Amino acid sequence: PMSGDCFCLFRWYESTKMQPYSLRLHLLEADRVRTPTADGGLSLM
């Protein structure tokens, strides 16, 4: 609600005896998902 949306990226780590399940969740803020530009910045226009 604060940013309008957020993203949950699925990652997979190596399983171990103490951690038998490899799925990891990585939450990303809205700002990191944006249209690529030539210089990698942000076009406000």
All heavy atoms as atom14 arrays in JSON, in Angstrom:
{
  "sequence": "PMSGDCFCLFRWYESTKMQPYSLRLHLLEADRVRTPTADGGLSLM",
  "atom14_mask": [
    [1, 1, 1, 1, 1, 1, 1, 0, 0, 0, 0, 0, 0, 0],
    [1, 1, 1, 1, 1, 1, 1, 1, 0, 0, 0, 0, 0, 0],
    [1, 1, 1, 1, 1, 1, 0, 0, 0, 0, 0, 0, 0, 0],
    [1, 1, 1, 1, 0, 0, 0, 0, 0, 0, 0, 0, 0, 0],
    [1, 1, 1, 1, 1, 1, 1, 1, 0, 0, 0, 0, 0, 0],
    [1, 1, 1, 1, 1, 1, 0, 0, 0, 0, 0, 0, 0, 0],
    [1, 1, 1, 1, 1, 1, 1, 1, 1, 1, 1, 0, 0, 0],
    [1, 1, 1, 1, 1, 1, 0, 0, 0, 0, 0, 0, 0, 0],
    [1, 1, 1, 1, 1, 1, 1, 1, 0, 0, 0, 0, 0, 0],
    [1, 1, 1, 1, 1, 1, 1, 1, 1, 1, 1, 0, 0, 0],
    [1, 1, 1, 1, 1, 1, 1, 1, 1, 1, 1, 0, 0, 0],
    [1, 1, 1, 1, 1, 1, 1, 1, 1, 1, 1, 1, 1, 1],
    [1, 1, 1, 1, 1, 1, 1, 1, 1, 1, 1, 1, 0, 0],
    [1, 1, 1, 1, 1, 1, 1, 1, 1, 0, 0, 0, 0, 0],
    [1, 1, 1, 1, 1, 1, 0, 0, 0, 0, 0, 0, 0, 0],
    [1, 1, 1, 1, 1, 1, 1, 0, 0, 0, 0, 0, 0, 0],
    [1, 1, 1, 1, 1, 1, 1, 1, 1, 0, 0, 0, 0, 0],
    [1, 1, 1, 1, 1, 1, 1, 1, 0, 0, 0, 0, 0, 0],
    [1, 1, 1, 1, 1, 1, 1, 1, 1, 0, 0, 0, 0, 0],
    [1, 1, 1, 1, 1, 1, 1, 0, 0, 0, 0, 0, 0, 0],
    [1, 1, 1, 1, 1, 1, 1, 1, 1, 1, 1, 1, 0, 0],
    [1, 1, 1, 1, 1, 1, 0, 0, 0, 0, 0, 0, 0, 0],
    [1, 1, 1, 1, 1, 1, 1, 1, 0, 0, 0, 0, 0, 0],
    [1, 1, 1, 1, 1, 1, 1, 1, 1, 1, 1, 0, 0, 0],
    [1, 1, 1, 1, 1, 1, 1, 1, 0, 0, 0, 0, 0, 0],
    [1, 1, 1, 1, 1, 1, 1, 1, 1, 1, 0, 0, 0, 0],
    [1, 1, 1, 1, 1, 1, 1, 1, 0, 0, 0, 0, 0, 0],
    [1, 1, 1, 1, 1, 1, 1, 1, 0, 0, 0, 0, 0, 0],
    [1, 1, 1, 1, 1, 1, 1, 1, 1, 0, 0, 0, 0, 0],
    [1, 1, 1, 1, 1, 0, 0, 0, 0, 0, 0, 0, 0, 0],
    [1, 1, 1, 1, 1, 1, 1, 1, 0, 0, 0, 0, 0, 0],
    [1, 1, 1, 1, 1, 1, 1, 1, 1, 1, 1, 0, 0, 0],
    [1, 1, 1, 1, 1, 1, 1, 0, 0, 0, 0, 0, 0, 0],
    [1, 1, 1, 1, 1, 1, 1, 1, 1, 1, 1, 0, 0, 0],
    [1, 1, 1, 1, 1, 1, 1, 0, 0, 0, 0, 0, 0, 0],
    [1, 1, 1, 1, 1, 1, 1, 0, 0, 0, 0, 0, 0, 0],
    [1, 1, 1, 1, 1, 1, 1, 0, 0, 0, 0, 0, 0, 0],
    [1, 1, 1, 1, 1, 0, 0, 0, 0, 0, 0, 0, 0, 0],
    [1, 1, 1, 1, 1, 1, 1, 1, 0, 0, 0, 0, 0, 0],
    [1, 1, 1, 1, 0, 0, 0, 0, 0, 0, 0, 0, 0, 0],
    [1, 1, 1, 1, 0, 0, 0, 0, 0, 0, 0, 0, 0, 0],
    [1, 1, 1, 1, 1, 1, 1, 1, 0, 0, 0, 0, 0, 0],
    [1, 1, 1, 1, 1, 1, 0, 0, 0, 0, 0, 0, 0, 0],
    [1, 1, 1, 1, 1, 1, 1, 1, 0, 0, 0, 0, 0, 0],
    [1, 1, 1, 1, 1, 1, 1, 1, 0, 0, 0, 0, 0, 0]
  ],
  "atom14_positions": [
    [[0.82, -1.23, 0.0], [0.0, 0.0, 0.0], [0.84, 1.27, 0.0], [0.43, 2.29, -0.55], [-0.82, -0.12, 1.3], [-0.75, -1.57, 1.67], [0.58, -2.03, 1.22], [0.0, 0.0, 0.0], [0.0, 0.0, 0.0], [0.0, 0.0, 0.0], [0.0, 0.0, 0.0], [0.0, 0.0, 0.0], [0.0, 0.0, 0.0], [0.0, 0.0, 0.0]],
    [[2.02, 1.22, 0.63], [2.84, 2.42, 0.71], [3.37, 2.85, -0.65], [3.37, 4.03, -0.99], [4.02, 2.19, 1.67], [4.81, 3.45, 1.96], [6.35, 3.12, 2.85], [5.75, 2.17, 4.26], [0.0, 0.0, 0.0], [0.0, 0.0, 0.0], [0.0, 0.0, 0.0], [0.0, 0.0, 0.0], [0.0, 0.0, 0.0], [0.0, 0.0, 0.0]],
    [[3.8, 1.88, -1.46], [4.4, 2.2, -2.75], [3.48, 1.92, -3.93], [3.84, 2.19, -5.07], [5.7, 1.4, -2.93], [6.63, 1.7, -1.91], [0.0, 0.0, 0.0], [0.0, 0.0, 0.0], [0.0, 0.0, 0.0], [0.0, 0.0, 0.0], [0.0, 0.0, 0.0], [0.0, 0.0, 0.0], [0.0, 0.0, 0.0], [0.0, 0.0, 0.0]],
    [[2.33, 1.33, -3.69], [1.43, 1.0, -4.78], [1.47, -0.46, -5.17], [0.47, -1.04, -5.57], [0.0, 0.0, 0.0], [0.0, 0.0, 0.0], [0.0, 0.0, 0.0], [0.0, 0.0, 0.0], [0.0, 0.0, 0.0], [0.0, 0.0, 0.0], [0.0, 0.0, 0.0], [0.0, 0.0, 0.0], [0.0, 0.0, 0.0], [0.0, 0.0, 0.0]],
    [[2.64, -1.06, -5.1], [2.8, -2.48, -5.35], [4.16, -2.91, -4.84], [5.01, -2.09, -4.49], [2.63, -2.83, -6.83], [3.49, -1.98, -7.76], [4.43, -1.33, -7.26], [3.24, -1.96, -8.97], [0.0, 0.0, 0.0], [0.0, 0.0, 0.0], [0.0, 0.0, 0.0], [0.0, 0.0, 0.0], [0.0, 0.0, 0.0], [0.0, 0.0, 0.0]],
    [[4.37, -4.21, -4.77], [5.68, -4.76, -4.48], [5.78, -6.12, -5.17], [4.78, -6.64, -5.69], [5.95, -4.86, -2.97], [4.98, -6.11, -2.11], [0.0, 0.0, 0.0], [0.0, 0.0, 0.0], [0.0, 0.0, 0.0], [0.0, 0.0, 0.0], [0.0, 0.0, 0.0], [0.0, 0.0, 0.0], [0.0, 0.0, 0.0], [0.0, 0.0, 0.0]],
    [[6.97, -6.69, -5.16], [7.22, -7.91, -5.92], [7.89, -8.94, -5.02], [8.68, -8.59, -4.14], [8.1, -7.61, -7.13], [7.49, -6.64, -8.09], [7.59, -5.27, -7.87], [6.8, -7.08, -9.21], [7.0, -4.36, -8.75], [6.22, -6.18, -10.09], [6.33, -4.81, -9.86], [0.0, 0.0, 0.0], [0.0, 0.0, 0.0], [0.0, 0.0, 0.0]],
    [[7.56, -10.19, -5.27], [8.18, -11.3, -4.54], [8.87, -12.19, -5.56], [8.21, -12.85, -6.37], [7.14, -12.07, -3.75], [7.84, -13.46, -2.82], [0.0, 0.0, 0.0], [0.0, 0.0, 0.0], [0.0, 0.0, 0.0], [0.0, 0.0, 0.0], [0.0, 0.0, 0.0], [0.0, 0.0, 0.0], [0.0, 0.0, 0.0], [0.0, 0.0, 0.0]],
    [[10.18, -12.21, -5.51], [10.99, -13.0, -6.43], [11.3, -14.35, -5.82], [11.7, -14.44, -4.66], [12.29, -12.26, -6.76], [13.21, -12.86, -7.81], [12.54, -12.86, -9.18], [14.52, -12.08, -7.87], [0.0, 0.0, 0.0], [0.0, 0.0, 0.0], [0.0, 0.0, 0.0], [0.0, 0.0, 0.0], [0.0, 0.0, 0.0], [0.0, 0.0, 0.0]],
    [[11.09, -15.41, -6.58], [11.39, -16.76, -6.11], [12.86, -17.08, -6.39], [13.31, -16.98, -7.53], [10.5, -17.8, -6.79], [9.05, -17.69, -6.43], [8.07, -18.19, -7.26], [8.65, -17.06, -5.27], [6.72, -18.1, -6.92], [7.32, -16.96, -4.92], [6.35, -17.48, -5.76], [0.0, 0.0, 0.0], [0.0, 0.0, 0.0], [0.0, 0.0, 0.0]],
    [[13.57, -17.47, -5.36], [14.96, -17.89, -5.51], [15.11, -19.32, -5.0], [14.31, -19.79, -4.19], [15.91, -16.95, -4.75], [15.93, -15.52, -5.28], [16.97, -14.69, -4.56], [17.04, -13.33, -5.03], [17.74, -12.92, -6.09], [18.46, -13.8, -6.77], [17.75, -11.66, -6.45], [0.0, 0.0, 0.0], [0.0, 0.0, 0.0], [0.0, 0.0, 0.0]],
    [[16.15, -19.98, -5.46], [16.37, -21.38, -5.07], [17.79, -21.54, -4.56], [18.75, -21.25, -5.26], [16.12, -22.3, -6.27], [14.74, -22.12, -6.83], [14.37, -21.32, -7.88], [13.53, -22.71, -6.34], [13.02, -21.38, -8.08], [12.48, -22.23, -7.15], [13.25, -23.6, -5.3], [11.16, -22.61, -6.95], [11.93, -23.97, -5.12], [10.91, -23.48, -5.93]],
    [[17.92, -21.94, -3.29], [19.21, -22.15, -2.67], [19.48, -23.65, -2.55], [18.59, -24.48, -2.74], [19.23, -21.52, -1.26], [19.3, -20.01, -1.25], [18.94, -19.25, -2.36], [19.72, -19.33, -0.12], [19.0, -17.88, -2.35], [19.78, -17.93, -0.09], [19.42, -17.23, -1.2], [19.48, -15.86, -1.19], [0.0, 0.0, 0.0], [0.0, 0.0, 0.0]],
    [[20.69, -23.99, -2.22], [21.06, -25.39, -2.08], [20.45, -25.96, -0.8], [20.49, -25.35, 0.26], [22.58, -25.54, -2.04], [23.06, -26.98, -1.99], [24.57, -27.08, -1.99], [25.23, -26.03, -2.12], [25.09, -28.2, -1.85], [0.0, 0.0, 0.0], [0.0, 0.0, 0.0], [0.0, 0.0, 0.0], [0.0, 0.0, 0.0], [0.0, 0.0, 0.0]],
    [[19.88, -27.15, -0.9], [19.28, -27.81, 0.26], [20.36, -28.41, 1.15], [21.4, -28.88, 0.66], [18.32, -28.91, -0.2], [17.28, -28.38, -0.99], [0.0, 0.0, 0.0], [0.0, 0.0, 0.0], [0.0, 0.0, 0.0], [0.0, 0.0, 0.0], [0.0, 0.0, 0.0], [0.0, 0.0, 0.0], [0.0, 0.0, 0.0], [0.0, 0.0, 0.0]],
    [[20.09, -28.38, 2.46], [21.0, -28.99, 3.43], [20.17, -29.84, 4.39], [18.94, -29.85, 4.34], [21.76, -27.91, 4.22], [20.83, -27.14, 5.01], [22.52, -26.98, 3.29], [0.0, 0.0, 0.0], [0.0, 0.0, 0.0], [0.0, 0.0, 0.0], [0.0, 0.0, 0.0], [0.0, 0.0, 0.0], [0.0, 0.0, 0.0], [0.0, 0.0, 0.0]],
    [[20.85, -30.56, 5.28], [20.13, -31.39, 6.25], [19.3, -30.53, 7.21], [18.22, -30.93, 7.63], [21.13, -32.23, 7.04], [21.82, -33.31, 6.22], [22.74, -34.15, 7.07], [23.38, -35.26, 6.25], [24.29, -36.1, 7.07], [0.0, 0.0, 0.0], [0.0, 0.0, 0.0], [0.0, 0.0, 0.0], [0.0, 0.0, 0.0], [0.0, 0.0, 0.0]],
    [[19.81, -29.35, 7.54], [19.08, -28.46, 8.43], [18.03, -27.64, 7.69], [17.08, -27.15, 8.3], [20.05, -27.52, 9.16], [21.03, -28.24, 10.07], [20.19, -29.11, 11.41], [19.5, -27.75, 12.31], [0.0, 0.0, 0.0], [0.0, 0.0, 0.0], [0.0, 0.0, 0.0], [0.0, 0.0, 0.0], [0.0, 0.0, 0.0], [0.0, 0.0, 0.0]],
    [[18.23, -27.45, 6.38], [17.3, -26.69, 5.56], [16.92, -27.51, 4.33], [17.49, -27.34, 3.25], [17.92, -25.35, 5.15], [18.26, -24.45, 6.33], [19.05, -23.23, 5.92], [19.78, -23.24, 4.94], [18.89, -22.15, 6.67], [0.0, 0.0, 0.0], [0.0, 0.0, 0.0], [0.0, 0.0, 0.0], [0.0, 0.0, 0.0], [0.0, 0.0, 0.0]],
    [[15.98, -28.43, 4.51], [15.66, -29.37, 3.42], [14.95, -28.74, 2.23], [14.91, -29.34, 1.16], [14.76, -30.4, 4.1], [14.14, -29.66, 5.25], [15.17, -28.7, 5.72], [0.0, 0.0, 0.0], [0.0, 0.0, 0.0], [0.0, 0.0, 0.0], [0.0, 0.0, 0.0], [0.0, 0.0, 0.0], [0.0, 0.0, 0.0], [0.0, 0.0, 0.0]],
    [[14.39, -27.55, 2.41], [13.65, -26.92, 1.31], [14.45, -25.74, 0.76], [14.97, -24.91, 1.5], [12.28, -26.46, 1.8], [11.44, -27.61, 2.31], [11.24, -27.81, 3.67], [10.89, -28.52, 1.42], [10.49, -28.88, 4.14], [10.14, -29.59, 1.88], [9.94, -29.77, 3.24], [9.22, -30.84, 3.69], [0.0, 0.0, 0.0], [0.0, 0.0, 0.0]],
    [[14.55, -25.68, -0.56], [15.45, -24.72, -1.2], [14.78, -23.4, -1.57], [15.46, -22.45, -1.93], [16.03, -25.34, -2.48], [15.0, -25.71, -3.38], [0.0, 0.0, 0.0], [0.0, 0.0, 0.0], [0.0, 0.0, 0.0], [0.0, 0.0, 0.0], [0.0, 0.0, 0.0], [0.0, 0.0, 0.0], [0.0, 0.0, 0.0], [0.0, 0.0, 0.0]],
    [[13.45, -23.32, -1.48], [12.75, -22.1, -1.87], [13.05, -20.95, -0.92], [13.0, -21.1, 0.3], [11.24, -22.35, -1.9], [10.36, -21.13, -2.14], [10.61, -20.55, -3.53], [8.89, -21.48, -1.97], [0.0, 0.0, 0.0], [0.0, 0.0, 0.0], [0.0, 0.0, 0.0], [0.0, 0.0, 0.0], [0.0, 0.0, 0.0], [0.0, 0.0, 0.0]],
    [[13.38, -19.79, -1.5], [13.56, -18.55, -0.75], [12.74, -17.45, -1.41], [12.65, -17.38, -2.64], [15.03, -18.13, -0.68], [15.97, -19.16, -0.08], [15.75, -19.36, 1.4], [16.74, -20.24, 1.96], [16.66, -21.57, 1.97], [15.6, -22.17, 1.43], [17.61, -22.31, 2.51], [0.0, 0.0, 0.0], [0.0, 0.0, 0.0], [0.0, 0.0, 0.0]],
    [[12.16, -16.59, -0.59], [11.37, -15.47, -1.09], [12.15, -14.17, -0.92], [12.69, -13.9, 0.15], [10.05, -15.37, -0.32], [9.19, -16.63, -0.3], [7.92, -16.4, 0.52], [8.84, -17.1, -1.7], [0.0, 0.0, 0.0], [0.0, 0.0, 0.0], [0.0, 0.0, 0.0], [0.0, 0.0, 0.0], [0.0, 0.0, 0.0], [0.0, 0.0, 0.0]],
    [[12.21, -13.4, -1.98], [12.94, -12.13, -1.96], [11.97, -11.01, -2.33], [11.55, -10.88, -3.48], [14.11, -12.16, -2.96], [15.05, -11.02, -2.8], [16.26, -10.93, -3.46], [14.98, -9.87, -2.05], [16.88, -9.82, -3.13], [16.1, -9.15, -2.28], [0.0, 0.0, 0.0], [0.0, 0.0, 0.0], [0.0, 0.0, 0.0], [0.0, 0.0, 0.0]],
    [[11.59, -10.2, -1.33], [10.67, -9.08, -1.56], [11.43, -7.89, -2.15], [12.5, -7.52, -1.66], [9.98, -8.67, -0.27], [8.97, -9.67, 0.31], [8.34, -9.1, 1.57], [7.89, -10.0, -0.7], [0.0, 0.0, 0.0], [0.0, 0.0, 0.0], [0.0, 0.0, 0.0], [0.0, 0.0, 0.0], [0.0, 0.0, 0.0], [0.0, 0.0, 0.0]],
    [[10.85, -7.3, -3.2], [11.45, -6.16, -3.87], [10.5, -4.97, -3.82], [9.29, -5.13, -4.03], [11.76, -6.49, -5.34], [12.66, -7.71, -5.6], [12.72, -7.97, -7.1], [14.05, -7.48, -5.04], [0.0, 0.0, 0.0], [0.0, 0.0, 0.0], [0.0, 0.0, 0.0], [0.0, 0.0, 0.0], [0.0, 0.0, 0.0], [0.0, 0.0, 0.0]],
    [[11.04, -3.78, -3.56], [10.21, -2.58, -3.58], [9.87, -2.19, -5.01], [10.54, -2.6, -5.97], [10.91, -1.43, -2.87], [10.72, -1.45, -1.37], [11.0, -0.11, -0.72], [12.04, 0.48, -0.99], [10.16, 0.32, 0.08], [0.0, 0.0, 0.0], [0.0, 0.0, 0.0], [0.0, 0.0, 0.0], [0.0, 0.0, 0.0], [0.0, 0.0, 0.0]],
    [[8.84, -1.38, -5.14], [8.32, -1.04, -6.46], [9.34, -0.35, -7.35], [9.35, -0.54, -8.57], [7.09, -0.14, -6.3], [0.0, 0.0, 0.0], [0.0, 0.0, 0.0], [0.0, 0.0, 0.0], [0.0, 0.0, 0.0], [0.0, 0.0, 0.0], [0.0, 0.0, 0.0], [0.0, 0.0, 0.0], [0.0, 0.0, 0.0], [0.0, 0.0, 0.0]],
    [[10.24, 0.43, -6.77], [11.19, 1.24, -7.55], [12.15, 0.42, -8.38], [12.64, 0.89, -9.41], [12.0, 2.15, -6.62], [11.14, 2.9, -5.64], [10.52, 2.23, -4.8], [11.11, 4.14, -5.7], [0.0, 0.0, 0.0], [0.0, 0.0, 0.0], [0.0, 0.0, 0.0], [0.0, 0.0, 0.0], [0.0, 0.0, 0.0], [0.0, 0.0, 0.0]],
    [[12.43, -0.8, -7.93], [13.43, -1.6, -8.64], [12.89, -2.22, -9.92], [13.67, -2.69, -10.75], [13.98, -2.69, -7.71], [14.88, -2.14, -6.61], [15.56, -3.24, -5.85], [16.31, -4.14, -6.73], [16.88, -5.28, -6.33], [16.75, -5.65, -5.07], [17.54, -6.03, -7.16], [0.0, 0.0, 0.0], [0.0, 0.0, 0.0], [0.0, 0.0, 0.0]],
    [[11.6, -2.23, -10.08], [11.01, -2.7, -11.33], [10.66, -1.46, -12.16], [9.75, -0.7, -11.8], [9.76, -3.57, -11.08], [9.11, -3.97, -12.39], [10.14, -4.81, -10.28], [0.0, 0.0, 0.0], [0.0, 0.0, 0.0], [0.0, 0.0, 0.0], [0.0, 0.0, 0.0], [0.0, 0.0, 0.0], [0.0, 0.0, 0.0], [0.0, 0.0, 0.0]],
    [[11.39, -1.23, -13.22], [11.17, -0.07, -14.06], [11.69, -0.34, -15.47], [12.4, -1.32, -15.7], [11.85, 1.17, -13.46], [13.35, 1.07, -13.27], [13.87, 2.34, -12.58], [15.32, 2.41, -12.53], [16.06, 1.95, -11.52], [15.45, 1.36, -10.48], [17.37, 2.07, -11.52], [0.0, 0.0, 0.0], [0.0, 0.0, 0.0], [0.0, 0.0, 0.0]],
    [[11.33, 0.53, -16.37], [11.69, 0.36, -17.77], [13.17, 0.67, -17.97], [13.64, 1.74, -17.55], [10.84, 1.29, -18.65], [9.46, 0.98, -18.45], [11.19, 1.1, -20.12], [0.0, 0.0, 0.0], [0.0, 0.0, 0.0], [0.0, 0.0, 0.0], [0.0, 0.0, 0.0], [0.0, 0.0, 0.0], [0.0, 0.0, 0.0], [0.0, 0.0, 0.0]],
    [[13.93, -0.25, -18.58], [15.37, 0.0, -18.79], [15.6, 1.21, -19.68], [14.86, 1.46, -20.63], [15.86, -1.29, -19.46], [14.83, -2.32, -19.14], [13.53, -1.58, -19.03], [0.0, 0.0, 0.0], [0.0, 0.0, 0.0], [0.0, 0.0, 0.0], [0.0, 0.0, 0.0], [0.0, 0.0, 0.0], [0.0, 0.0, 0.0], [0.0, 0.0, 0.0]],
    [[16.65, 1.96, -19.34], [17.08, 3.09, -20.15], [18.52, 2.89, -20.55], [19.23, 2.03, -20.02], [16.93, 4.41, -19.37], [17.68, 4.31, -18.14], [15.47, 4.68, -19.03], [0.0, 0.0, 0.0], [0.0, 0.0, 0.0], [0.0, 0.0, 0.0], [0.0, 0.0, 0.0], [0.0, 0.0, 0.0], [0.0, 0.0, 0.0], [0.0, 0.0, 0.0]],
    [[18.98, 3.72, -21.48], [20.33, 3.55, -22.0], [21.39, 3.75, -20.93], [22.4, 3.05, -20.88], [20.56, 4.53, -23.16], [0.0, 0.0, 0.0], [0.0, 0.0, 0.0], [0.0, 0.0, 0.0], [0.0, 0.0, 0.0], [0.0, 0.0, 0.0], [0.0, 0.0, 0.0], [0.0, 0.0, 0.0], [0.0, 0.0, 0.0], [0.0, 0.0, 0.0]],
    [[21.15, 4.7, -20.01], [22.13, 4.99, -18.97], [21.82, 4.28, -17.66], [22.5, 4.45, -16.67], [22.24, 6.49, -18.73], [20.91, 7.11, -18.31], [19.9, 6.38, -18.29], [20.88, 8.32, -18.01], [0.0, 0.0, 0.0], [0.0, 0.0, 0.0], [0.0, 0.0, 0.0], [0.0, 0.0, 0.0], [0.0, 0.0, 0.0], [0.0, 0.0, 0.0]],
    [[20.73, 3.47, -17.64], [20.38, 2.74, -16.43], [19.65, 3.57, -15.4], [19.35, 3.09, -14.32], [0.0, 0.0, 0.0], [0.0, 0.0, 0.0], [0.0, 0.0, 0.0], [0.0, 0.0, 0.0], [0.0, 0.0, 0.0], [0.0, 0.0, 0.0], [0.0, 0.0, 0.0], [0.0, 0.0, 0.0], [0.0, 0.0, 0.0], [0.0, 0.0, 0.0]],
    [[19.35, 4.82, -15.73], [18.69, 5.69, -14.76], [17.18, 5.59, -14.84], [16.61, 4.55, -15.13], [0.0, 0.0, 0.0], [0.0, 0.0, 0.0], [0.0, 0.0, 0.0], [0.0, 0.0, 0.0], [0.0, 0.0, 0.0], [0.0, 0.0, 0.0], [0.0, 0.0, 0.0], [0.0, 0.0, 0.0], [0.0, 0.0, 0.0], [0.0, 0.0, 0.0]],
    [[16.51, 6.72, -14.6], [15.06, 6.76, -14.61], [14.61, 7.97, -15.39], [15.08, 9.08, -15.16], [14.51, 6.84, -13.18], [13.0, 7.03, -13.05], [12.28, 5.76, -13.47], [12.63, 7.4, -11.63], [0.0, 0.0, 0.0], [0.0, 0.0, 0.0], [0.0, 0.0, 0.0], [0.0, 0.0, 0.0], [0.0, 0.0, 0.0], [0.0, 0.0, 0.0]],
    [[13.71, 7.74, -16.33], [13.13, 8.84, -17.08], [11.82, 9.24, -16.43], [10.88, 8.44, -16.39], [12.9, 8.44, -18.55], [12.24, 9.47, -19.24], [0.0, 0.0, 0.0], [0.0, 0.0, 0.0], [0.0, 0.0, 0.0], [0.0, 0.0, 0.0], [0.0, 0.0, 0.0], [0.0, 0.0, 0.0], [0.0, 0.0, 0.0], [0.0, 0.0, 0.0]],
    [[11.75, 10.45, -15.91], [10.53, 10.91, -15.26], [9.49, 11.37, -16.27], [8.34, 11.59, -15.92], [10.85, 12.05, -14.29], [11.78, 11.69, -13.13], [12.0, 12.89, -12.24], [11.22, 10.53, -12.32], [0.0, 0.0, 0.0], [0.0, 0.0, 0.0], [0.0, 0.0, 0.0], [0.0, 0.0, 0.0], [0.0, 0.0, 0.0], [0.0, 0.0, 0.0]],
    [[9.88, 11.54, -17.53], [8.96, 12.01, -18.55], [8.17, 10.86, -19.16], [7.0, 11.01, -19.49], [9.73, 12.76, -19.64], [10.5, 13.97, -19.13], [9.43, 15.19, -18.34], [8.42, 15.67, -19.74], [0.0, 0.0, 0.0], [0.0, 0.0, 0.0], [0.0, 0.0, 0.0], [0.0, 0.0, 0.0], [0.0, 0.0, 0.0], [0.0, 0.0, 0.0]]
  ]
}
